[in-house]
Amino acid sequence: MNRISHPSRRTVLGSILGAAVIIGFLGDSDSAIAADDPGLVGRFKDLSENGNSTCSAKFTESIATMPPTSRIKGSCCSPMEMKRYVEQINGLAKYRDIAMIPADPYDIPAGIAQKMMPYYDVRLSGTEQQAYDHAMANSEEKGPCCCQCWRWKVYGGLAKYLIREHGFSGKQIVEVWNLSDGCGGGM
């Protein structure tokens, strides 16, 4: 008869306890998500507990000097919510062919932020500005973010880039902004 050695029992027990902690962390309504995509649950847990993002002017200024491969992680204003995070990741998947749209609003390559921030100051043509103004009036946050922090500049710049380079309408910008809201909380 094979007996499980003590280290294996600890490993199994640790895995069981770890799963219980994650399910407890998520709550009952999010337990199904944990069963469907444990990788997403792990990313959520990491990003919600280990973010480096803040709304400070100092953080905004620091983006220019970050290595392009570094990551801007986590929410800046409110705790992340799992259900909303899953909706965002799934919704943003349809834009994966546009490299400048981050696939995860809580894990943004600094290189993308560095490329999009200067677009914020781009002057749009009349028709392009109408699309941007539509997005400002109709997005859930009445802009690209809840406050005028680094996200406001990055996602405001992204909107101008998408309008100019990809012909996005105001309605499409609203969708991207709503899905990319990285302030935390639910919508």
N, C-alpha and C. Protein backbone atom coordinates (compact mmCIF):
# COMPACT_ATOMS: atom_id res chain seq x y z
N MET A 1 0.84 -1.16 0.00
CA MET A 1 0.00 0.00 0.00
C MET A 1 0.89 1.24 0.00
N ASN A 2 0.61 2.14 -0.92
CA ASN A 2 1.37 3.39 -0.99
C ASN A 2 0.80 4.41 -0.01
N ARG A 3 1.69 4.99 0.72
CA ARG A 3 1.27 6.03 1.65
C ARG A 3 1.77 7.36 1.12
N ILE A 4 0.98 8.37 1.29
CA ILE A 4 1.40 9.72 0.89
C ILE A 4 2.33 10.25 1.97
N SER A 5 3.49 10.70 1.57
CA SER A 5 4.42 11.24 2.56
C SER A 5 3.93 12.59 3.07
N HIS A 6 4.48 13.02 4.17
CA HIS A 6 4.06 14.29 4.78
C HIS A 6 4.21 15.49 3.85
N PRO A 7 5.31 15.64 3.10
CA PRO A 7 5.39 16.80 2.21
C PRO A 7 4.26 16.83 1.18
N SER A 8 3.86 15.65 0.68
CA SER A 8 2.78 15.62 -0.30
C SER A 8 1.45 16.00 0.34
N ARG A 9 1.25 15.54 1.57
CA ARG A 9 0.03 15.93 2.28
C ARG A 9 -0.02 17.44 2.47
N ARG A 10 1.11 18.01 2.82
CA ARG A 10 1.15 19.47 2.99
C ARG A 10 0.85 20.18 1.67
N THR A 11 1.39 19.65 0.59
CA THR A 11 1.14 20.26 -0.71
C THR A 11 -0.33 20.20 -1.07
N VAL A 12 -0.94 19.04 -0.89
CA VAL A 12 -2.36 18.87 -1.17
C VAL A 12 -3.19 19.76 -0.26
N LEU A 13 -2.88 19.75 1.03
CA LEU A 13 -3.61 20.58 1.98
C LEU A 13 -3.44 22.06 1.63
N GLY A 14 -2.23 22.45 1.27
CA GLY A 14 -1.99 23.84 0.87
C GLY A 14 -2.80 24.23 -0.35
N SER A 15 -2.90 23.32 -1.31
CA SER A 15 -3.71 23.60 -2.51
C SER A 15 -5.17 23.74 -2.17
N ILE A 16 -5.67 22.85 -1.30
CA ILE A 16 -7.07 22.93 -0.89
C ILE A 16 -7.33 24.22 -0.14
N LEU A 17 -6.45 24.54 0.81
CA LEU A 17 -6.62 25.78 1.57
C LEU A 17 -6.50 27.01 0.66
N GLY A 18 -5.56 26.96 -0.29
CA GLY A 18 -5.40 28.07 -1.23
C GLY A 18 -6.66 28.29 -2.05
N ALA A 19 -7.27 27.20 -2.53
CA ALA A 19 -8.51 27.31 -3.30
C ALA A 19 -9.63 27.86 -2.43
N ALA A 20 -9.68 27.42 -1.17
CA ALA A 20 -10.71 27.92 -0.26
C ALA A 20 -10.53 29.41 0.01
N VAL A 21 -9.28 29.84 0.16
CA VAL A 21 -9.01 31.26 0.39
C VAL A 21 -9.42 32.07 -0.84
N ILE A 22 -9.09 31.60 -2.03
CA ILE A 22 -9.47 32.32 -3.25
C ILE A 22 -10.98 32.39 -3.36
N ILE A 23 -11.68 31.31 -3.13
CA ILE A 23 -13.14 31.32 -3.23
C ILE A 23 -13.72 32.24 -2.17
N GLY A 24 -13.17 32.21 -0.95
CA GLY A 24 -13.61 33.13 0.08
C GLY A 24 -13.32 34.57 -0.29
N PHE A 25 -12.20 34.81 -0.91
CA PHE A 25 -11.80 36.14 -1.37
C PHE A 25 -12.77 36.65 -2.43
N LEU A 26 -13.23 35.76 -3.28
CA LEU A 26 -14.10 36.15 -4.38
C LEU A 26 -15.55 36.30 -3.95
N GLY A 27 -16.01 35.46 -3.06
CA GLY A 27 -17.42 35.46 -2.69
C GLY A 27 -18.16 34.43 -3.53
N ASP A 28 -19.39 34.15 -3.13
CA ASP A 28 -20.18 33.10 -3.78
C ASP A 28 -20.44 33.36 -5.25
N SER A 29 -20.77 34.60 -5.60
CA SER A 29 -21.14 34.89 -6.99
C SER A 29 -19.97 34.73 -7.95
N ASP A 30 -18.75 34.83 -7.44
CA ASP A 30 -17.59 34.73 -8.31
C ASP A 30 -16.96 33.34 -8.29
N SER A 31 -17.50 32.42 -7.51
CA SER A 31 -16.94 31.07 -7.42
C SER A 31 -16.97 30.37 -8.77
N ALA A 32 -18.01 30.61 -9.56
CA ALA A 32 -18.10 29.98 -10.88
C ALA A 32 -16.97 30.45 -11.78
N ILE A 33 -16.58 31.71 -11.64
CA ILE A 33 -15.46 32.23 -12.43
C ILE A 33 -14.19 31.49 -12.06
N ALA A 34 -13.99 31.25 -10.78
CA ALA A 34 -12.81 30.54 -10.31
C ALA A 34 -12.74 29.15 -10.93
N ALA A 35 -13.87 28.50 -11.06
CA ALA A 35 -13.90 27.17 -11.66
C ALA A 35 -13.63 27.24 -13.16
N ASP A 36 -14.14 28.29 -13.83
CA ASP A 36 -13.98 28.41 -15.27
C ASP A 36 -12.59 28.85 -15.70
N ASP A 37 -11.97 29.76 -14.96
CA ASP A 37 -10.69 30.31 -15.38
C ASP A 37 -9.81 30.63 -14.17
N PRO A 38 -9.15 29.61 -13.62
CA PRO A 38 -8.30 29.86 -12.46
C PRO A 38 -7.15 30.81 -12.76
N GLY A 39 -6.68 30.87 -14.00
CA GLY A 39 -5.62 31.81 -14.38
C GLY A 39 -6.07 33.25 -14.23
N LEU A 40 -7.30 33.52 -14.62
CA LEU A 40 -7.86 34.86 -14.49
C LEU A 40 -8.02 35.23 -13.02
N VAL A 41 -8.41 34.27 -12.22
CA VAL A 41 -8.54 34.49 -10.78
C VAL A 41 -7.18 34.84 -10.18
N GLY A 42 -6.16 34.14 -10.59
CA GLY A 42 -4.81 34.42 -10.10
C GLY A 42 -4.34 35.81 -10.50
N ARG A 43 -4.61 36.19 -11.75
CA ARG A 43 -4.24 37.55 -12.21
C ARG A 43 -4.99 38.60 -11.41
N PHE A 44 -6.29 38.38 -11.22
CA PHE A 44 -7.09 39.32 -10.44
C PHE A 44 -6.51 39.49 -9.04
N LYS A 45 -6.22 38.38 -8.41
CA LYS A 45 -5.68 38.42 -7.04
C LYS A 45 -4.36 39.18 -7.03
N ASP A 46 -3.47 38.89 -7.96
CA ASP A 46 -2.18 39.57 -8.02
C ASP A 46 -2.35 41.07 -8.26
N LEU A 47 -3.15 41.43 -9.26
CA LEU A 47 -3.32 42.84 -9.59
C LEU A 47 -4.03 43.61 -8.49
N SER A 48 -4.99 42.98 -7.84
CA SER A 48 -5.75 43.69 -6.80
C SER A 48 -4.94 43.85 -5.51
N GLU A 49 -3.94 43.01 -5.33
CA GLU A 49 -3.15 43.07 -4.10
C GLU A 49 -1.76 43.68 -4.30
N ASN A 50 -1.27 43.76 -5.52
CA ASN A 50 0.12 44.17 -5.76
C ASN A 50 0.25 45.29 -6.79
N GLY A 51 -0.71 46.17 -6.85
CA GLY A 51 -0.65 47.25 -7.83
C GLY A 51 0.39 48.31 -7.48
N ASN A 52 0.84 49.02 -8.51
CA ASN A 52 1.78 50.13 -8.32
C ASN A 52 1.18 51.45 -8.81
N SER A 53 -0.05 51.44 -9.26
CA SER A 53 -0.70 52.60 -9.85
C SER A 53 -1.24 53.54 -8.77
N THR A 54 -1.02 54.84 -8.97
CA THR A 54 -1.63 55.85 -8.10
C THR A 54 -2.13 57.00 -8.98
N CYS A 55 -2.95 57.85 -8.42
CA CYS A 55 -3.48 59.00 -9.16
C CYS A 55 -2.61 60.24 -9.00
N SER A 56 -1.48 60.12 -8.38
CA SER A 56 -0.66 61.29 -8.09
C SER A 56 0.01 61.85 -9.35
N ALA A 57 0.29 63.14 -9.31
CA ALA A 57 1.01 63.80 -10.41
C ALA A 57 2.42 63.21 -10.53
N LYS A 58 3.02 62.87 -9.40
CA LYS A 58 4.35 62.28 -9.41
C LYS A 58 4.36 60.96 -10.17
N PHE A 59 3.34 60.13 -9.95
CA PHE A 59 3.25 58.86 -10.68
C PHE A 59 3.08 59.12 -12.18
N THR A 60 2.21 60.07 -12.52
CA THR A 60 2.00 60.41 -13.93
C THR A 60 3.32 60.81 -14.58
N GLU A 61 4.09 61.65 -13.92
CA GLU A 61 5.39 62.08 -14.45
C GLU A 61 6.37 60.93 -14.57
N SER A 62 6.29 59.97 -13.66
CA SER A 62 7.25 58.85 -13.66
C SER A 62 7.07 57.92 -14.86
N ILE A 63 5.91 57.92 -15.47
CA ILE A 63 5.65 57.01 -16.59
C ILE A 63 6.65 57.24 -17.73
N ALA A 64 7.00 58.47 -17.97
CA ALA A 64 7.94 58.79 -19.07
C ALA A 64 9.31 58.14 -18.88
N THR A 65 9.70 57.87 -17.64
CA THR A 65 11.03 57.30 -17.38
C THR A 65 11.00 55.80 -17.08
N MET A 66 9.83 55.20 -17.11
CA MET A 66 9.73 53.75 -16.88
C MET A 66 10.28 53.00 -18.07
N PRO A 67 10.93 51.85 -17.84
CA PRO A 67 11.30 51.01 -18.97
C PRO A 67 10.03 50.61 -19.73
N PRO A 68 10.04 50.65 -21.06
CA PRO A 68 8.82 50.35 -21.83
C PRO A 68 8.21 48.98 -21.53
N THR A 69 9.02 48.05 -21.06
CA THR A 69 8.50 46.71 -20.77
C THR A 69 7.95 46.59 -19.35
N SER A 70 8.10 47.63 -18.54
CA SER A 70 7.54 47.56 -17.19
C SER A 70 6.02 47.68 -17.26
N ARG A 71 5.36 47.35 -16.18
CA ARG A 71 3.90 47.29 -16.17
C ARG A 71 3.34 48.29 -15.16
N ILE A 72 2.23 48.90 -15.51
CA ILE A 72 1.46 49.74 -14.60
C ILE A 72 0.29 48.85 -14.16
N LYS A 73 0.28 48.51 -12.88
CA LYS A 73 -0.63 47.47 -12.41
C LYS A 73 -1.55 47.95 -11.31
N GLY A 74 -2.75 47.39 -11.30
CA GLY A 74 -3.71 47.62 -10.23
C GLY A 74 -4.63 48.80 -10.49
N SER A 75 -5.56 49.00 -9.56
CA SER A 75 -6.49 50.13 -9.66
C SER A 75 -5.90 51.31 -8.90
N CYS A 76 -6.39 52.48 -9.24
CA CYS A 76 -5.83 53.66 -8.58
C CYS A 76 -6.79 54.31 -7.60
N CYS A 77 -8.07 54.02 -7.64
CA CYS A 77 -9.02 54.75 -6.79
C CYS A 77 -9.83 53.86 -5.85
N SER A 78 -10.29 52.73 -6.32
CA SER A 78 -11.16 51.84 -5.53
C SER A 78 -10.70 50.40 -5.70
N PRO A 79 -11.07 49.53 -4.79
CA PRO A 79 -10.71 48.12 -4.95
C PRO A 79 -11.32 47.53 -6.23
N MET A 80 -10.59 46.62 -6.84
CA MET A 80 -11.10 45.92 -8.01
C MET A 80 -12.22 44.97 -7.59
N GLU A 81 -13.13 44.68 -8.53
CA GLU A 81 -14.19 43.70 -8.31
C GLU A 81 -14.07 42.62 -9.39
N MET A 82 -14.09 41.37 -8.96
CA MET A 82 -13.87 40.24 -9.86
C MET A 82 -14.88 40.19 -11.01
N LYS A 83 -16.15 40.33 -10.68
CA LYS A 83 -17.18 40.22 -11.72
C LYS A 83 -16.95 41.28 -12.81
N ARG A 84 -16.68 42.49 -12.40
CA ARG A 84 -16.43 43.58 -13.36
C ARG A 84 -15.16 43.31 -14.15
N TYR A 85 -14.13 42.81 -13.47
CA TYR A 85 -12.86 42.51 -14.14
C TYR A 85 -13.06 41.50 -15.26
N VAL A 86 -13.82 40.46 -15.00
CA VAL A 86 -14.08 39.44 -16.02
C VAL A 86 -14.83 40.06 -17.21
N GLU A 87 -15.83 40.90 -16.92
CA GLU A 87 -16.57 41.58 -18.00
C GLU A 87 -15.62 42.42 -18.85
N GLN A 88 -14.71 43.11 -18.20
CA GLN A 88 -13.77 43.97 -18.92
C GLN A 88 -12.83 43.14 -19.80
N ILE A 89 -12.24 42.11 -19.24
CA ILE A 89 -11.30 41.26 -20.00
C ILE A 89 -12.01 40.64 -21.20
N ASN A 90 -13.21 40.12 -20.97
CA ASN A 90 -13.96 39.50 -22.07
C ASN A 90 -14.35 40.53 -23.12
N GLY A 91 -14.78 41.71 -22.71
CA GLY A 91 -15.17 42.76 -23.65
C GLY A 91 -14.01 43.31 -24.46
N LEU A 92 -12.86 43.46 -23.82
CA LEU A 92 -11.69 44.00 -24.52
C LEU A 92 -11.08 43.01 -25.51
N ALA A 93 -11.42 41.74 -25.39
CA ALA A 93 -10.87 40.71 -26.28
C ALA A 93 -11.18 41.02 -27.75
N LYS A 94 -12.29 41.68 -28.02
CA LYS A 94 -12.64 41.96 -29.42
C LYS A 94 -11.71 43.00 -30.05
N TYR A 95 -10.92 43.69 -29.23
CA TYR A 95 -10.00 44.71 -29.74
C TYR A 95 -8.55 44.23 -29.77
N ARG A 96 -8.33 42.94 -29.62
CA ARG A 96 -6.95 42.45 -29.53
C ARG A 96 -6.11 42.71 -30.77
N ASP A 97 -6.74 42.99 -31.91
CA ASP A 97 -5.97 43.29 -33.12
C ASP A 97 -5.39 44.70 -33.13
N ILE A 98 -5.80 45.53 -32.19
CA ILE A 98 -5.26 46.90 -32.10
C ILE A 98 -4.31 46.92 -30.90
N ALA A 99 -3.02 46.91 -31.20
CA ALA A 99 -1.99 46.76 -30.17
C ALA A 99 -2.02 47.86 -29.12
N MET A 100 -2.50 49.02 -29.45
CA MET A 100 -2.48 50.14 -28.50
C MET A 100 -3.61 50.06 -27.47
N ILE A 101 -4.57 49.19 -27.65
CA ILE A 101 -5.64 49.02 -26.66
C ILE A 101 -5.18 47.92 -25.70
N PRO A 102 -4.85 48.30 -24.45
CA PRO A 102 -4.43 47.28 -23.50
C PRO A 102 -5.51 46.22 -23.29
N ALA A 103 -5.10 44.97 -23.29
CA ALA A 103 -6.03 43.85 -23.13
C ALA A 103 -6.54 43.75 -21.70
N ASP A 104 -5.81 44.35 -20.76
CA ASP A 104 -6.17 44.30 -19.35
C ASP A 104 -6.06 45.71 -18.78
N PRO A 105 -7.17 46.31 -18.35
CA PRO A 105 -7.11 47.69 -17.87
C PRO A 105 -6.36 47.86 -16.55
N TYR A 106 -5.99 46.75 -15.93
CA TYR A 106 -5.26 46.80 -14.67
C TYR A 106 -3.83 46.29 -14.81
N ASP A 107 -3.38 46.10 -16.04
CA ASP A 107 -2.01 45.64 -16.30
C ASP A 107 -1.59 46.21 -17.65
N ILE A 108 -1.08 47.42 -17.62
CA ILE A 108 -0.81 48.17 -18.84
C ILE A 108 0.70 48.30 -19.06
N PRO A 109 1.19 47.89 -20.22
CA PRO A 109 2.61 48.09 -20.50
C PRO A 109 2.95 49.58 -20.49
N ALA A 110 4.02 49.94 -19.80
CA ALA A 110 4.43 51.34 -19.74
C ALA A 110 4.70 51.89 -21.14
N GLY A 111 5.19 51.05 -22.05
CA GLY A 111 5.46 51.49 -23.42
C GLY A 111 4.21 51.98 -24.13
N ILE A 112 3.08 51.33 -23.91
CA ILE A 112 1.81 51.78 -24.51
C ILE A 112 1.40 53.11 -23.88
N ALA A 113 1.51 53.22 -22.57
CA ALA A 113 1.16 54.49 -21.89
C ALA A 113 2.04 55.62 -22.43
N GLN A 114 3.32 55.34 -22.62
CA GLN A 114 4.24 56.36 -23.13
C GLN A 114 3.88 56.80 -24.55
N LYS A 115 3.39 55.89 -25.36
CA LYS A 115 2.99 56.23 -26.73
C LYS A 115 1.66 56.98 -26.78
N MET A 116 0.74 56.67 -25.86
CA MET A 116 -0.59 57.27 -25.90
C MET A 116 -0.66 58.64 -25.23
N MET A 117 0.14 58.89 -24.22
CA MET A 117 0.06 60.17 -23.50
C MET A 117 0.24 61.39 -24.41
N PRO A 118 1.19 61.40 -25.35
CA PRO A 118 1.33 62.57 -26.22
C PRO A 118 0.12 62.80 -27.13
N TYR A 119 -0.61 61.75 -27.45
CA TYR A 119 -1.82 61.90 -28.28
C TYR A 119 -2.88 62.74 -27.57
N TYR A 120 -2.82 62.79 -26.25
CA TYR A 120 -3.80 63.56 -25.50
C TYR A 120 -3.82 65.02 -25.95
N ASP A 121 -2.66 65.54 -26.34
CA ASP A 121 -2.54 66.94 -26.75
C ASP A 121 -2.76 67.16 -28.25
N VAL A 122 -3.07 66.12 -29.00
CA VAL A 122 -3.32 66.23 -30.44
C VAL A 122 -4.62 67.01 -30.67
N ARG A 123 -4.58 67.92 -31.60
CA ARG A 123 -5.79 68.66 -32.00
C ARG A 123 -6.50 67.85 -33.08
N LEU A 124 -7.77 67.62 -32.86
CA LEU A 124 -8.58 66.84 -33.80
C LEU A 124 -9.30 67.77 -34.77
N SER A 125 -9.65 67.22 -35.93
CA SER A 125 -10.47 67.96 -36.89
C SER A 125 -11.87 68.10 -36.30
N GLY A 126 -12.71 68.89 -36.93
CA GLY A 126 -14.07 69.10 -36.44
C GLY A 126 -14.86 67.81 -36.26
N THR A 127 -14.85 66.95 -37.27
CA THR A 127 -15.57 65.68 -37.20
C THR A 127 -14.97 64.77 -36.14
N GLU A 128 -13.65 64.72 -36.09
CA GLU A 128 -12.97 63.89 -35.08
C GLU A 128 -13.30 64.39 -33.67
N GLN A 129 -13.32 65.72 -33.50
CA GLN A 129 -13.62 66.29 -32.19
C GLN A 129 -15.06 65.96 -31.77
N GLN A 130 -15.96 65.91 -32.73
CA GLN A 130 -17.34 65.54 -32.41
C GLN A 130 -17.41 64.13 -31.83
N ALA A 131 -16.62 63.23 -32.41
CA ALA A 131 -16.58 61.85 -31.90
C ALA A 131 -16.03 61.84 -30.48
N TYR A 132 -14.98 62.60 -30.24
CA TYR A 132 -14.37 62.68 -28.90
C TYR A 132 -15.36 63.29 -27.91
N ASP A 133 -16.02 64.36 -28.30
CA ASP A 133 -17.00 65.01 -27.43
C ASP A 133 -18.17 64.08 -27.10
N HIS A 134 -18.58 63.27 -28.08
CA HIS A 134 -19.64 62.28 -27.83
C HIS A 134 -19.19 61.31 -26.74
N ALA A 135 -17.95 60.85 -26.83
CA ALA A 135 -17.43 59.92 -25.83
C ALA A 135 -17.38 60.58 -24.45
N MET A 136 -16.95 61.82 -24.40
CA MET A 136 -16.89 62.53 -23.11
C MET A 136 -18.28 62.64 -22.48
N ALA A 137 -19.28 62.90 -23.28
CA ALA A 137 -20.64 63.10 -22.76
C ALA A 137 -21.33 61.78 -22.41
N ASN A 138 -20.92 60.68 -23.03
CA ASN A 138 -21.68 59.44 -22.90
C ASN A 138 -20.98 58.30 -22.18
N SER A 139 -19.72 58.43 -21.86
CA SER A 139 -19.05 57.34 -21.14
C SER A 139 -19.51 57.35 -19.68
N GLU A 140 -19.38 56.20 -19.04
CA GLU A 140 -19.84 56.06 -17.66
C GLU A 140 -19.17 57.04 -16.71
N GLU A 141 -17.91 57.37 -16.97
CA GLU A 141 -17.17 58.29 -16.10
C GLU A 141 -17.21 59.74 -16.62
N LYS A 142 -17.93 59.98 -17.73
CA LYS A 142 -17.94 61.29 -18.39
C LYS A 142 -16.53 61.72 -18.76
N GLY A 143 -15.79 60.77 -19.26
CA GLY A 143 -14.40 60.94 -19.68
C GLY A 143 -13.72 59.60 -19.64
N PRO A 144 -12.42 59.57 -19.88
CA PRO A 144 -11.71 58.29 -19.91
C PRO A 144 -11.45 57.68 -18.54
N CYS A 145 -11.69 58.44 -17.48
CA CYS A 145 -11.38 57.97 -16.13
C CYS A 145 -12.19 58.80 -15.14
N CYS A 146 -12.17 58.41 -13.87
CA CYS A 146 -12.96 59.15 -12.87
C CYS A 146 -12.28 60.44 -12.42
N CYS A 147 -10.99 60.56 -12.64
CA CYS A 147 -10.27 61.80 -12.27
C CYS A 147 -9.19 62.05 -13.32
N GLN A 148 -8.64 63.24 -13.31
CA GLN A 148 -7.66 63.58 -14.34
C GLN A 148 -6.24 63.18 -13.92
N CYS A 149 -6.04 61.88 -13.82
CA CYS A 149 -4.75 61.31 -13.47
C CYS A 149 -4.07 60.78 -14.74
N TRP A 150 -3.09 59.92 -14.56
CA TRP A 150 -2.38 59.35 -15.71
C TRP A 150 -3.32 58.60 -16.63
N ARG A 151 -4.33 57.92 -16.10
CA ARG A 151 -5.27 57.18 -16.94
C ARG A 151 -6.04 58.13 -17.86
N TRP A 152 -6.39 59.30 -17.35
CA TRP A 152 -7.11 60.29 -18.15
C TRP A 152 -6.28 60.64 -19.38
N LYS A 153 -4.99 60.88 -19.18
CA LYS A 153 -4.12 61.23 -20.30
C LYS A 153 -3.88 60.05 -21.23
N VAL A 154 -3.64 58.89 -20.66
CA VAL A 154 -3.38 57.70 -21.50
C VAL A 154 -4.61 57.34 -22.32
N TYR A 155 -5.76 57.24 -21.67
CA TYR A 155 -6.97 56.81 -22.39
C TYR A 155 -7.60 57.95 -23.19
N GLY A 156 -7.38 59.20 -22.79
CA GLY A 156 -7.77 60.33 -23.64
C GLY A 156 -6.94 60.34 -24.91
N GLY A 157 -5.64 60.08 -24.75
CA GLY A 157 -4.75 59.97 -25.90
C GLY A 157 -5.11 58.77 -26.77
N LEU A 158 -5.44 57.66 -26.13
CA LEU A 158 -5.85 56.47 -26.87
C LEU A 158 -7.08 56.77 -27.72
N ALA A 159 -8.03 57.49 -27.15
CA ALA A 159 -9.25 57.83 -27.90
C ALA A 159 -8.90 58.65 -29.14
N LYS A 160 -8.05 59.64 -28.98
CA LYS A 160 -7.68 60.47 -30.12
C LYS A 160 -6.92 59.65 -31.17
N TYR A 161 -6.06 58.76 -30.72
CA TYR A 161 -5.36 57.85 -31.62
C TYR A 161 -6.36 56.98 -32.39
N LEU A 162 -7.32 56.38 -31.67
CA LEU A 162 -8.29 55.49 -32.31
C LEU A 162 -9.19 56.24 -33.29
N ILE A 163 -9.57 57.46 -32.94
CA ILE A 163 -10.40 58.27 -33.84
C ILE A 163 -9.61 58.63 -35.09
N ARG A 164 -8.38 59.09 -34.91
CA ARG A 164 -7.57 59.54 -36.04
C ARG A 164 -7.04 58.38 -36.89
N GLU A 165 -6.48 57.37 -36.25
CA GLU A 165 -5.78 56.30 -36.98
C GLU A 165 -6.67 55.12 -37.37
N HIS A 166 -7.78 54.93 -36.67
CA HIS A 166 -8.64 53.77 -36.93
C HIS A 166 -10.08 54.15 -37.26
N GLY A 167 -10.36 55.45 -37.31
CA GLY A 167 -11.70 55.91 -37.67
C GLY A 167 -12.79 55.56 -36.67
N PHE A 168 -12.42 55.42 -35.40
CA PHE A 168 -13.42 55.07 -34.39
C PHE A 168 -14.45 56.19 -34.25
N SER A 169 -15.68 55.77 -34.01
CA SER A 169 -16.77 56.72 -33.73
C SER A 169 -16.77 57.02 -32.23
N GLY A 170 -17.53 58.03 -31.85
CA GLY A 170 -17.69 58.34 -30.44
C GLY A 170 -18.26 57.17 -29.67
N LYS A 171 -19.21 56.46 -30.27
CA LYS A 171 -19.83 55.30 -29.63
C LYS A 171 -18.79 54.20 -29.36
N GLN A 172 -17.89 53.98 -30.31
CA GLN A 172 -16.84 52.98 -30.12
C GLN A 172 -15.87 53.40 -29.01
N ILE A 173 -15.57 54.69 -28.93
CA ILE A 173 -14.69 55.18 -27.86
C ILE A 173 -15.36 54.98 -26.51
N VAL A 174 -16.65 55.25 -26.43
CA VAL A 174 -17.39 55.02 -25.18
C VAL A 174 -17.21 53.56 -24.75
N GLU A 175 -17.37 52.64 -25.68
CA GLU A 175 -17.23 51.22 -25.33
C GLU A 175 -15.81 50.92 -24.82
N VAL A 176 -14.80 51.42 -25.52
CA VAL A 176 -13.42 51.16 -25.10
C VAL A 176 -13.17 51.78 -23.72
N TRP A 177 -13.59 53.00 -23.52
CA TRP A 177 -13.39 53.65 -22.22
C TRP A 177 -14.12 52.89 -21.11
N ASN A 178 -15.36 52.52 -21.35
CA ASN A 178 -16.12 51.82 -20.30
C ASN A 178 -15.48 50.47 -19.96
N LEU A 179 -15.00 49.77 -20.96
CA LEU A 179 -14.34 48.49 -20.72
C LEU A 179 -12.95 48.66 -20.10
N SER A 180 -12.32 49.79 -20.33
CA SER A 180 -10.96 50.02 -19.87
C SER A 180 -10.88 50.77 -18.55
N ASP A 181 -12.01 51.02 -17.94
CA ASP A 181 -12.02 51.76 -16.68
C ASP A 181 -11.18 51.02 -15.65
N GLY A 182 -10.08 51.62 -15.24
CA GLY A 182 -9.18 50.98 -14.29
C GLY A 182 -9.21 51.62 -12.92
N CYS A 183 -10.30 52.32 -12.62
CA CYS A 183 -10.42 53.01 -11.33
C CYS A 183 -10.78 52.04 -10.20
N GLY A 184 -11.23 50.86 -10.55
CA GLY A 184 -11.67 49.91 -9.55
C GLY A 184 -13.17 50.00 -9.37
N GLY A 185 -13.70 49.16 -8.53
CA GLY A 185 -15.14 49.15 -8.28
C GLY A 185 -15.91 48.54 -9.43
N GLY A 186 -17.21 48.47 -9.27
CA GLY A 186 -18.09 47.94 -10.31
C GLY A 186 -18.75 49.06 -11.07
N MET A 187 -19.38 48.72 -12.14
CA MET A 187 -20.10 49.73 -12.93
C MET A 187 -21.54 49.33 -13.04
